[in-house]
N, C-alpha and C. Protein backbone atom coordinates (compact mmCIF):
# COMPACT_ATOMS: atom_id res chain seq x y z
N MET A 1 32.37 -10.16 8.36
CA MET A 1 31.00 -10.57 8.56
C MET A 1 30.49 -11.19 7.26
N SER A 2 29.86 -12.36 7.36
CA SER A 2 29.40 -13.05 6.15
C SER A 2 28.09 -12.44 5.65
N ALA A 3 27.88 -12.54 4.36
CA ALA A 3 26.68 -12.00 3.73
C ALA A 3 25.55 -13.02 3.79
N VAL A 4 24.32 -12.52 3.73
CA VAL A 4 23.13 -13.36 3.79
C VAL A 4 22.38 -13.20 2.47
N HIS A 5 22.01 -14.33 1.87
CA HIS A 5 21.20 -14.32 0.65
C HIS A 5 19.73 -14.36 1.04
N VAL A 6 18.93 -13.44 0.50
CA VAL A 6 17.53 -13.33 0.88
C VAL A 6 16.65 -13.38 -0.37
N SER A 7 15.59 -14.18 -0.32
CA SER A 7 14.57 -14.22 -1.37
C SER A 7 13.27 -13.74 -0.75
N THR A 8 12.64 -12.77 -1.37
CA THR A 8 11.43 -12.18 -0.82
C THR A 8 10.54 -11.68 -1.95
N LYS A 9 9.42 -11.09 -1.60
CA LYS A 9 8.54 -10.44 -2.58
C LYS A 9 8.46 -8.97 -2.19
N ILE A 10 8.70 -8.09 -3.17
CA ILE A 10 8.56 -6.67 -2.94
C ILE A 10 7.59 -6.12 -3.98
N ASN A 11 6.51 -5.54 -3.51
CA ASN A 11 5.46 -5.00 -4.38
C ASN A 11 4.98 -6.05 -5.39
N GLY A 12 4.89 -7.30 -4.93
CA GLY A 12 4.39 -8.38 -5.76
C GLY A 12 5.42 -9.07 -6.64
N ASP A 13 6.63 -8.54 -6.69
CA ASP A 13 7.69 -9.12 -7.53
C ASP A 13 8.65 -9.95 -6.69
N ASP A 14 9.06 -11.09 -7.23
CA ASP A 14 10.09 -11.89 -6.56
C ASP A 14 11.41 -11.15 -6.66
N VAL A 15 12.07 -11.00 -5.51
CA VAL A 15 13.33 -10.25 -5.44
C VAL A 15 14.33 -11.05 -4.62
N GLU A 16 15.57 -11.05 -5.07
CA GLU A 16 16.65 -11.66 -4.31
C GLU A 16 17.73 -10.62 -4.11
N PHE A 17 18.36 -10.65 -2.95
CA PHE A 17 19.47 -9.75 -2.67
C PHE A 17 20.40 -10.39 -1.65
N VAL A 18 21.57 -9.81 -1.55
CA VAL A 18 22.57 -10.23 -0.57
C VAL A 18 22.82 -9.03 0.33
N CYS A 19 22.82 -9.26 1.63
CA CYS A 19 23.06 -8.16 2.57
C CYS A 19 23.86 -8.64 3.76
N ARG A 20 24.34 -7.70 4.53
CA ARG A 20 25.02 -8.03 5.79
C ARG A 20 23.94 -8.35 6.84
N PRO A 21 24.23 -9.19 7.80
CA PRO A 21 23.24 -9.53 8.83
C PRO A 21 22.78 -8.32 9.65
N ASP A 22 23.61 -7.28 9.75
CA ASP A 22 23.26 -6.12 10.57
C ASP A 22 22.68 -4.97 9.74
N GLU A 23 22.34 -5.21 8.49
CA GLU A 23 21.83 -4.18 7.60
C GLU A 23 20.31 -4.07 7.70
N SER A 24 19.81 -2.88 7.89
CA SER A 24 18.36 -2.70 8.02
C SER A 24 17.66 -2.88 6.67
N LEU A 25 16.39 -3.19 6.73
CA LEU A 25 15.59 -3.30 5.51
C LEU A 25 15.61 -1.97 4.76
N LEU A 26 15.56 -0.86 5.49
CA LEU A 26 15.63 0.46 4.85
C LEU A 26 16.91 0.59 4.03
N ASP A 27 18.04 0.22 4.60
CA ASP A 27 19.32 0.31 3.87
C ASP A 27 19.34 -0.63 2.67
N VAL A 28 18.76 -1.82 2.82
CA VAL A 28 18.69 -2.75 1.69
C VAL A 28 17.86 -2.14 0.57
N LEU A 29 16.67 -1.64 0.93
CA LEU A 29 15.79 -1.05 -0.09
C LEU A 29 16.49 0.08 -0.83
N ARG A 30 17.07 0.99 -0.09
CA ARG A 30 17.68 2.19 -0.68
C ARG A 30 19.02 1.90 -1.36
N ASP A 31 19.92 1.23 -0.66
CA ASP A 31 21.30 1.10 -1.14
C ASP A 31 21.54 -0.10 -2.04
N ARG A 32 20.85 -1.18 -1.79
CA ARG A 32 21.09 -2.39 -2.59
C ARG A 32 20.10 -2.54 -3.74
N LEU A 33 18.86 -2.09 -3.51
CA LEU A 33 17.83 -2.30 -4.52
C LEU A 33 17.44 -1.01 -5.26
N GLY A 34 17.98 0.12 -4.85
CA GLY A 34 17.71 1.38 -5.54
C GLY A 34 16.30 1.90 -5.34
N MET A 35 15.61 1.42 -4.33
CA MET A 35 14.25 1.87 -4.03
C MET A 35 14.33 2.97 -2.98
N THR A 36 14.47 4.19 -3.44
CA THR A 36 14.77 5.31 -2.55
C THR A 36 13.54 6.05 -2.06
N GLY A 37 12.36 5.51 -2.30
CA GLY A 37 11.14 6.18 -1.84
C GLY A 37 11.04 6.26 -0.33
N SER A 38 11.34 5.18 0.35
CA SER A 38 11.33 5.19 1.82
C SER A 38 12.50 6.03 2.30
N LYS A 39 12.26 6.88 3.26
CA LYS A 39 13.29 7.82 3.73
C LYS A 39 13.74 7.48 5.14
N GLU A 40 14.98 7.85 5.46
CA GLU A 40 15.45 7.73 6.83
C GLU A 40 15.34 9.10 7.48
N GLY A 41 14.46 9.20 8.45
CA GLY A 41 14.31 10.45 9.17
C GLY A 41 14.99 10.41 10.51
N CYS A 42 14.97 9.23 11.15
CA CYS A 42 15.51 9.15 12.51
C CYS A 42 16.40 7.93 12.73
N GLY A 43 16.10 6.83 12.08
CA GLY A 43 16.87 5.60 12.27
C GLY A 43 16.53 4.87 13.56
N THR A 44 15.51 5.34 14.28
CA THR A 44 15.13 4.72 15.55
C THR A 44 13.66 4.33 15.62
N GLY A 45 12.94 4.44 14.51
CA GLY A 45 11.53 4.05 14.48
C GLY A 45 10.59 5.07 15.08
N ASP A 46 11.04 6.30 15.21
CA ASP A 46 10.20 7.33 15.85
C ASP A 46 9.45 8.23 14.87
N CYS A 47 9.89 8.29 13.59
CA CYS A 47 9.31 9.30 12.70
C CYS A 47 8.37 8.73 11.64
N GLY A 48 8.49 7.46 11.28
CA GLY A 48 7.60 6.85 10.29
C GLY A 48 7.96 7.13 8.85
N ALA A 49 9.02 7.88 8.57
CA ALA A 49 9.38 8.21 7.18
C ALA A 49 9.75 6.97 6.38
N CYS A 50 10.16 5.91 7.06
CA CYS A 50 10.61 4.69 6.38
C CYS A 50 9.54 3.60 6.39
N SER A 51 8.30 3.96 6.67
CA SER A 51 7.23 2.97 6.79
C SER A 51 7.05 2.14 5.53
N VAL A 52 6.91 0.83 5.71
CA VAL A 52 6.57 -0.12 4.67
C VAL A 52 5.59 -1.11 5.30
N GLU A 53 4.99 -1.94 4.47
CA GLU A 53 4.19 -3.03 5.00
C GLU A 53 4.97 -4.33 4.86
N LEU A 54 4.98 -5.10 5.90
CA LEU A 54 5.62 -6.41 5.92
C LEU A 54 4.53 -7.43 6.23
N ASP A 55 4.19 -8.24 5.24
CA ASP A 55 3.08 -9.19 5.37
C ASP A 55 1.80 -8.47 5.83
N GLY A 56 1.56 -7.28 5.27
CA GLY A 56 0.35 -6.53 5.57
C GLY A 56 0.39 -5.75 6.86
N ARG A 57 1.49 -5.81 7.56
CA ARG A 57 1.62 -5.10 8.84
C ARG A 57 2.52 -3.89 8.66
N LEU A 58 2.08 -2.75 9.14
CA LEU A 58 2.85 -1.51 9.03
C LEU A 58 4.06 -1.57 9.95
N VAL A 59 5.27 -1.37 9.37
CA VAL A 59 6.50 -1.41 10.16
C VAL A 59 7.43 -0.28 9.73
N CYS A 60 8.33 0.07 10.61
CA CYS A 60 9.41 1.00 10.26
C CYS A 60 10.55 0.16 9.72
N SER A 61 10.91 0.39 8.46
CA SER A 61 11.93 -0.46 7.83
C SER A 61 13.31 -0.23 8.43
N CYS A 62 13.49 0.85 9.18
CA CYS A 62 14.79 1.06 9.84
C CYS A 62 14.97 0.14 11.04
N LEU A 63 13.87 -0.47 11.50
CA LEU A 63 13.94 -1.35 12.67
C LEU A 63 13.89 -2.84 12.31
N VAL A 64 13.75 -3.14 11.02
CA VAL A 64 13.69 -4.53 10.56
C VAL A 64 15.01 -4.85 9.87
N MET A 65 15.59 -5.97 10.20
CA MET A 65 16.82 -6.39 9.54
C MET A 65 16.50 -6.95 8.16
N GLY A 66 17.26 -6.56 7.17
CA GLY A 66 17.05 -7.06 5.82
C GLY A 66 17.14 -8.57 5.74
N ALA A 67 18.00 -9.16 6.54
CA ALA A 67 18.19 -10.62 6.53
C ALA A 67 16.96 -11.36 7.07
N GLU A 68 16.06 -10.66 7.74
CA GLU A 68 14.88 -11.30 8.33
C GLU A 68 13.67 -11.36 7.41
N VAL A 69 13.73 -10.75 6.24
CA VAL A 69 12.53 -10.64 5.41
C VAL A 69 12.38 -11.75 4.39
N GLY A 70 13.27 -12.73 4.41
CA GLY A 70 13.17 -13.85 3.49
C GLY A 70 11.82 -14.54 3.60
N GLY A 71 11.16 -14.76 2.46
CA GLY A 71 9.88 -15.45 2.44
C GLY A 71 8.70 -14.57 2.81
N HIS A 72 8.93 -13.31 3.04
CA HIS A 72 7.85 -12.40 3.42
C HIS A 72 7.49 -11.48 2.26
N ALA A 73 6.34 -10.82 2.37
CA ALA A 73 5.89 -9.87 1.35
C ALA A 73 6.05 -8.45 1.88
N ILE A 74 6.71 -7.61 1.07
CA ILE A 74 6.97 -6.22 1.45
C ILE A 74 6.25 -5.32 0.46
N ALA A 75 5.59 -4.30 0.97
CA ALA A 75 4.95 -3.29 0.11
C ALA A 75 5.57 -1.95 0.43
N THR A 76 6.10 -1.30 -0.60
CA THR A 76 6.75 0.00 -0.44
C THR A 76 6.01 1.07 -1.23
N ILE A 77 6.43 2.30 -1.06
CA ILE A 77 5.83 3.41 -1.79
C ILE A 77 5.97 3.23 -3.30
N GLU A 78 7.03 2.57 -3.75
CA GLU A 78 7.23 2.38 -5.19
C GLU A 78 6.12 1.53 -5.82
N GLY A 79 5.45 0.72 -5.03
CA GLY A 79 4.39 -0.14 -5.56
C GLY A 79 3.00 0.46 -5.43
N MET A 80 2.91 1.68 -4.97
CA MET A 80 1.60 2.27 -4.73
C MET A 80 0.89 2.70 -6.01
N ALA A 81 1.57 3.39 -6.89
CA ALA A 81 0.97 3.80 -8.16
C ALA A 81 0.96 2.60 -9.11
N GLN A 82 0.03 2.59 -10.03
CA GLN A 82 -0.03 1.56 -11.05
C GLN A 82 0.41 2.18 -12.37
N GLY A 83 1.69 2.06 -12.67
CA GLY A 83 2.24 2.73 -13.85
C GLY A 83 2.17 4.23 -13.66
N ASP A 84 1.54 4.91 -14.61
CA ASP A 84 1.39 6.37 -14.53
C ASP A 84 0.18 6.79 -13.71
N LYS A 85 -0.65 5.83 -13.31
CA LYS A 85 -1.88 6.14 -12.57
C LYS A 85 -1.58 6.14 -11.07
N LEU A 86 -1.71 7.32 -10.47
CA LEU A 86 -1.46 7.45 -9.04
C LEU A 86 -2.53 6.73 -8.23
N HIS A 87 -2.15 6.24 -7.07
CA HIS A 87 -3.11 5.71 -6.11
C HIS A 87 -3.99 6.89 -5.68
N PRO A 88 -5.26 6.65 -5.36
CA PRO A 88 -6.13 7.76 -4.94
C PRO A 88 -5.56 8.60 -3.78
N LEU A 89 -4.85 7.96 -2.85
CA LEU A 89 -4.23 8.73 -1.77
C LEU A 89 -3.17 9.69 -2.30
N GLN A 90 -2.35 9.20 -3.22
CA GLN A 90 -1.32 10.06 -3.80
C GLN A 90 -1.96 11.26 -4.50
N GLN A 91 -3.04 10.99 -5.22
CA GLN A 91 -3.74 12.07 -5.95
C GLN A 91 -4.30 13.09 -4.97
N LYS A 92 -4.92 12.63 -3.89
CA LYS A 92 -5.49 13.55 -2.90
C LYS A 92 -4.41 14.35 -2.17
N PHE A 93 -3.25 13.73 -1.91
CA PHE A 93 -2.15 14.47 -1.29
C PHE A 93 -1.72 15.62 -2.20
N LEU A 94 -1.65 15.35 -3.49
CA LEU A 94 -1.27 16.41 -4.44
C LEU A 94 -2.35 17.49 -4.52
N GLU A 95 -3.59 17.08 -4.69
CA GLU A 95 -4.69 18.04 -4.82
C GLU A 95 -4.85 18.90 -3.59
N GLY A 96 -4.64 18.30 -2.41
CA GLY A 96 -4.84 19.02 -1.16
C GLY A 96 -3.59 19.65 -0.58
N ALA A 97 -2.50 19.64 -1.33
CA ALA A 97 -1.23 20.20 -0.86
C ALA A 97 -0.85 19.63 0.51
N ALA A 98 -0.98 18.32 0.64
CA ALA A 98 -0.70 17.64 1.91
C ALA A 98 0.76 17.22 2.00
N LEU A 99 1.63 17.91 1.30
CA LEU A 99 3.05 17.61 1.36
C LEU A 99 3.82 18.89 1.05
N GLN A 100 5.04 18.92 1.56
CA GLN A 100 5.92 20.05 1.23
C GLN A 100 7.29 19.52 0.87
N CYS A 101 8.13 19.23 1.85
CA CYS A 101 9.50 18.81 1.50
C CYS A 101 9.54 17.38 0.98
N GLY A 102 8.59 16.53 1.36
CA GLY A 102 8.51 15.18 0.83
C GLY A 102 9.21 14.10 1.63
N ILE A 103 9.94 14.45 2.65
CA ILE A 103 10.64 13.43 3.44
C ILE A 103 9.65 12.49 4.13
N CYS A 104 8.61 13.02 4.71
CA CYS A 104 7.65 12.19 5.45
C CYS A 104 6.56 11.59 4.57
N THR A 105 6.38 12.13 3.36
CA THR A 105 5.23 11.77 2.53
C THR A 105 5.13 10.27 2.23
N PRO A 106 6.20 9.58 1.83
CA PRO A 106 6.05 8.15 1.56
C PRO A 106 5.54 7.37 2.78
N GLY A 107 6.05 7.68 3.94
CA GLY A 107 5.61 6.99 5.15
C GLY A 107 4.15 7.26 5.47
N PHE A 108 3.73 8.51 5.31
CA PHE A 108 2.32 8.85 5.53
C PHE A 108 1.43 8.11 4.53
N LEU A 109 1.84 8.06 3.27
CA LEU A 109 1.02 7.39 2.26
C LEU A 109 0.89 5.89 2.54
N ILE A 110 1.99 5.25 2.90
CA ILE A 110 1.94 3.82 3.22
C ILE A 110 1.06 3.58 4.46
N ALA A 111 1.23 4.40 5.47
CA ALA A 111 0.42 4.25 6.69
C ALA A 111 -1.06 4.49 6.40
N ALA A 112 -1.36 5.52 5.62
CA ALA A 112 -2.76 5.83 5.30
C ALA A 112 -3.39 4.71 4.47
N ARG A 113 -2.64 4.18 3.52
CA ARG A 113 -3.17 3.06 2.73
C ARG A 113 -3.44 1.86 3.63
N SER A 114 -2.54 1.60 4.55
CA SER A 114 -2.72 0.50 5.48
C SER A 114 -4.01 0.68 6.29
N LEU A 115 -4.25 1.90 6.73
CA LEU A 115 -5.50 2.18 7.47
C LEU A 115 -6.71 1.93 6.59
N LEU A 116 -6.72 2.50 5.38
CA LEU A 116 -7.90 2.41 4.52
C LEU A 116 -8.15 1.00 4.01
N GLU A 117 -7.12 0.17 3.96
CA GLU A 117 -7.32 -1.24 3.61
C GLU A 117 -8.07 -1.97 4.72
N ARG A 118 -7.96 -1.48 5.93
CA ARG A 118 -8.63 -2.09 7.08
C ARG A 118 -9.96 -1.43 7.41
N ASN A 119 -10.05 -0.14 7.12
CA ASN A 119 -11.23 0.63 7.53
C ASN A 119 -11.46 1.75 6.51
N MET A 120 -12.45 1.56 5.64
CA MET A 120 -12.73 2.58 4.63
C MET A 120 -13.61 3.71 5.16
N ASP A 121 -14.00 3.63 6.41
CA ASP A 121 -14.84 4.68 6.98
C ASP A 121 -14.29 5.13 8.34
N PRO A 122 -13.03 5.58 8.36
CA PRO A 122 -12.46 6.00 9.65
C PRO A 122 -12.96 7.38 10.07
N THR A 123 -13.02 7.58 11.36
CA THR A 123 -13.31 8.91 11.88
C THR A 123 -12.02 9.73 11.81
N GLU A 124 -12.15 11.03 11.97
CA GLU A 124 -10.94 11.87 11.99
C GLU A 124 -10.01 11.45 13.13
N THR A 125 -10.59 11.11 14.26
CA THR A 125 -9.79 10.67 15.40
C THR A 125 -9.03 9.39 15.07
N GLU A 126 -9.70 8.46 14.39
CA GLU A 126 -9.03 7.21 14.01
C GLU A 126 -7.88 7.47 13.03
N VAL A 127 -8.08 8.39 12.09
CA VAL A 127 -7.01 8.72 11.14
C VAL A 127 -5.83 9.32 11.90
N ARG A 128 -6.11 10.27 12.77
CA ARG A 128 -5.03 10.91 13.53
C ARG A 128 -4.30 9.89 14.41
N TYR A 129 -5.03 8.99 15.03
CA TYR A 129 -4.42 7.96 15.87
C TYR A 129 -3.54 7.04 15.03
N TRP A 130 -4.06 6.60 13.87
CA TRP A 130 -3.33 5.67 13.01
C TRP A 130 -2.04 6.30 12.49
N LEU A 131 -2.09 7.60 12.20
CA LEU A 131 -0.93 8.29 11.65
C LEU A 131 -0.02 8.89 12.72
N ALA A 132 -0.32 8.63 13.98
CA ALA A 132 0.45 9.22 15.08
C ALA A 132 1.92 8.81 15.07
N GLY A 133 2.25 7.71 14.42
CA GLY A 133 3.64 7.27 14.34
C GLY A 133 4.42 7.93 13.22
N ASN A 134 3.77 8.82 12.50
CA ASN A 134 4.42 9.53 11.40
C ASN A 134 4.53 11.00 11.75
N LEU A 135 5.72 11.54 11.62
CA LEU A 135 5.95 12.94 11.97
C LEU A 135 6.19 13.78 10.72
N CYS A 136 5.68 15.03 10.77
CA CYS A 136 5.89 15.98 9.69
C CYS A 136 6.27 17.31 10.32
N ARG A 137 7.31 17.92 9.81
CA ARG A 137 7.75 19.20 10.35
C ARG A 137 7.33 20.37 9.47
N CYS A 138 6.73 20.09 8.32
CA CYS A 138 6.43 21.16 7.36
C CYS A 138 4.95 21.54 7.30
N THR A 139 4.10 20.55 7.03
CA THR A 139 2.71 20.86 6.69
C THR A 139 1.79 21.00 7.88
N GLY A 140 2.17 20.50 9.02
CA GLY A 140 1.17 20.30 10.05
C GLY A 140 0.43 19.05 9.63
N TYR A 141 -0.65 18.75 10.25
CA TYR A 141 -1.31 17.48 9.96
C TYR A 141 -2.69 17.64 9.35
N ASP A 142 -3.27 18.81 9.39
CA ASP A 142 -4.64 18.97 8.93
C ASP A 142 -4.82 18.60 7.46
N LYS A 143 -3.92 19.04 6.60
CA LYS A 143 -4.05 18.72 5.17
C LYS A 143 -3.86 17.24 4.92
N ILE A 144 -2.99 16.61 5.67
CA ILE A 144 -2.76 15.18 5.52
C ILE A 144 -4.00 14.41 5.95
N VAL A 145 -4.55 14.76 7.08
CA VAL A 145 -5.76 14.09 7.59
C VAL A 145 -6.92 14.32 6.62
N ARG A 146 -7.04 15.54 6.12
CA ARG A 146 -8.12 15.84 5.17
C ARG A 146 -7.97 15.00 3.90
N ALA A 147 -6.75 14.85 3.40
CA ALA A 147 -6.52 14.03 2.20
C ALA A 147 -6.92 12.58 2.45
N VAL A 148 -6.61 12.04 3.62
CA VAL A 148 -6.99 10.66 3.94
C VAL A 148 -8.51 10.54 4.05
N MET A 149 -9.14 11.49 4.71
CA MET A 149 -10.60 11.46 4.87
C MET A 149 -11.29 11.58 3.50
N ASP A 150 -10.80 12.45 2.64
CA ASP A 150 -11.38 12.62 1.30
C ASP A 150 -11.21 11.35 0.47
N THR A 151 -10.06 10.71 0.59
CA THR A 151 -9.82 9.46 -0.14
C THR A 151 -10.77 8.38 0.36
N ALA A 152 -10.94 8.29 1.66
CA ALA A 152 -11.85 7.30 2.24
C ALA A 152 -13.27 7.52 1.71
N LYS A 153 -13.69 8.75 1.65
CA LYS A 153 -15.03 9.09 1.14
C LYS A 153 -15.16 8.64 -0.32
N ASP A 154 -14.16 8.94 -1.14
CA ASP A 154 -14.18 8.53 -2.55
C ASP A 154 -14.18 7.01 -2.69
N MET A 155 -13.42 6.32 -1.84
CA MET A 155 -13.37 4.86 -1.89
C MET A 155 -14.72 4.25 -1.53
N ARG A 156 -15.40 4.84 -0.55
CA ARG A 156 -16.73 4.35 -0.17
C ARG A 156 -17.72 4.55 -1.32
N LYS A 157 -17.66 5.71 -1.98
CA LYS A 157 -18.54 5.98 -3.12
C LYS A 157 -18.29 4.97 -4.24
N ALA A 158 -17.01 4.72 -4.53
CA ALA A 158 -16.66 3.77 -5.59
C ALA A 158 -17.13 2.36 -5.23
N ALA A 159 -16.99 1.98 -3.97
CA ALA A 159 -17.43 0.65 -3.53
C ALA A 159 -18.94 0.52 -3.64
N ALA A 160 -19.67 1.58 -3.27
CA ALA A 160 -21.13 1.55 -3.36
C ALA A 160 -21.57 1.46 -4.82
N LYS A 161 -20.90 2.21 -5.68
CA LYS A 161 -21.22 2.18 -7.11
C LYS A 161 -20.95 0.80 -7.69
N SER A 162 -19.83 0.19 -7.29
CA SER A 162 -19.45 -1.13 -7.77
C SER A 162 -20.46 -2.18 -7.30
N SER A 163 -20.87 -2.11 -6.05
CA SER A 163 -21.82 -3.10 -5.54
C SER A 163 -23.20 -2.90 -6.14
N ALA A 164 -23.54 -1.68 -6.56
CA ALA A 164 -24.83 -1.43 -7.23
C ALA A 164 -24.84 -2.06 -8.62
N LYS A 165 -23.68 -2.17 -9.26
CA LYS A 165 -23.58 -2.78 -10.58
C LYS A 165 -23.67 -4.29 -10.50
N LYS A 166 -23.25 -4.90 -9.40
CA LYS A 166 -23.23 -6.35 -9.28
C LYS A 166 -24.62 -6.97 -9.39
N PRO A 167 -25.66 -6.44 -8.69
CA PRO A 167 -26.99 -7.04 -8.86
C PRO A 167 -27.48 -6.97 -10.30
N ALA A 168 -27.17 -5.89 -11.01
CA ALA A 168 -27.57 -5.77 -12.41
C ALA A 168 -26.89 -6.84 -13.25
N ALA A 169 -25.63 -7.12 -12.98
CA ALA A 169 -24.90 -8.16 -13.71
C ALA A 169 -25.48 -9.53 -13.40
N LYS A 170 -25.87 -9.76 -12.15
CA LYS A 170 -26.47 -11.04 -11.77
C LYS A 170 -27.81 -11.24 -12.48
N LYS A 171 -28.63 -10.15 -12.56
CA LYS A 171 -29.91 -10.25 -13.25
C LYS A 171 -29.70 -10.57 -14.72
N ALA A 172 -28.72 -9.94 -15.34
CA ALA A 172 -28.44 -10.20 -16.75
C ALA A 172 -28.01 -11.64 -16.95
N ALA A 173 -27.21 -12.18 -16.05
CA ALA A 173 -26.77 -13.56 -16.16
C ALA A 173 -27.93 -14.53 -15.96
N ALA A 174 -28.87 -14.17 -15.08
CA ALA A 174 -30.02 -15.03 -14.81
C ALA A 174 -30.98 -15.08 -15.99
N LYS A 175 -30.97 -14.05 -16.82
CA LYS A 175 -31.88 -13.99 -17.97
C LYS A 175 -31.40 -14.86 -19.13
N LYS A 176 -30.17 -15.37 -19.07
CA LYS A 176 -29.68 -16.22 -20.14
C LYS A 176 -30.57 -17.46 -20.23
N SER A 177 -30.81 -17.92 -21.44
CA SER A 177 -31.70 -19.08 -21.60
C SER A 177 -31.01 -20.36 -21.17
N PRO A 178 -31.77 -21.32 -20.65
CA PRO A 178 -31.19 -22.61 -20.25
C PRO A 178 -30.53 -23.33 -21.42
N ALA A 179 -31.03 -23.15 -22.64
CA ALA A 179 -30.44 -23.81 -23.80
C ALA A 179 -29.00 -23.34 -24.01
N LYS A 180 -28.74 -22.07 -23.82
CA LYS A 180 -27.39 -21.55 -23.99
C LYS A 180 -26.46 -22.12 -22.93
N LYS A 181 -26.96 -22.25 -21.69
CA LYS A 181 -26.14 -22.82 -20.63
C LYS A 181 -25.77 -24.26 -20.96
N THR A 182 -26.73 -25.04 -21.47
CA THR A 182 -26.48 -26.42 -21.81
C THR A 182 -25.48 -26.51 -22.95
N ALA A 183 -25.63 -25.63 -23.92
CA ALA A 183 -24.71 -25.65 -25.05
C ALA A 183 -23.29 -25.35 -24.59
N LYS A 184 -23.13 -24.39 -23.71
CA LYS A 184 -21.80 -24.08 -23.20
C LYS A 184 -21.22 -25.25 -22.43
N LYS A 185 -22.07 -25.89 -21.60
CA LYS A 185 -21.56 -27.01 -20.83
C LYS A 185 -21.14 -28.15 -21.73
N GLY A 186 -21.97 -28.43 -22.74
CA GLY A 186 -21.66 -29.50 -23.68
C GLY A 186 -20.38 -29.22 -24.44
N ALA A 187 -20.20 -27.97 -24.85
CA ALA A 187 -19.01 -27.60 -25.62
C ALA A 187 -17.76 -27.75 -24.76
N ARG A 188 -17.85 -27.41 -23.50
CA ARG A 188 -16.69 -27.51 -22.62
C ARG A 188 -16.29 -28.97 -22.43
N HIS A 189 -17.28 -29.85 -22.28
CA HIS A 189 -16.97 -31.27 -22.05
C HIS A 189 -16.52 -31.96 -23.31
N ALA A 190 -16.90 -31.44 -24.46
CA ALA A 190 -16.52 -32.06 -25.72
C ALA A 190 -15.05 -31.81 -26.05
N ALA A 191 -14.50 -30.75 -25.52
CA ALA A 191 -13.12 -30.37 -25.86
C ALA A 191 -12.08 -31.27 -25.29
């Protein structure tokens, strides 16, 4: 079987790899690229442990062929934290003990982030519905749902705080004297 060369973006980085045509994205991530965060729980798309985003759409990486992701953007659990700073969902999972063995955790985190990127004010029912494709055999679901709801609440507070600062910044910019604006414009055109 001939190999396929693939160029894609993973967590914002340009990535190239070679894989077999019948190799799943999950196998490529784990075996070829060393990105072992996504887990194989079932291999049939039933458990959600291998969840990633493909062009912003939540998918089970065990059901996507690695050869098909050329030119697409993939977001995995490895791209969730920013250096040593955990994503707010990751922090809430830790604080709320919303994980135990860790097999399902990456898939839940990716799915929850996908939900909150679309809806920062989900109801508990919406969270449970959105996460229904992810299975956990250890924690039950209450702590996971609570962590997502708490993160959503914190994100709404942060967004409200941020938008409250914007009018103040606009007022400060409006108070600048017209002479300063003219001087800046003149300096830019002189260069």
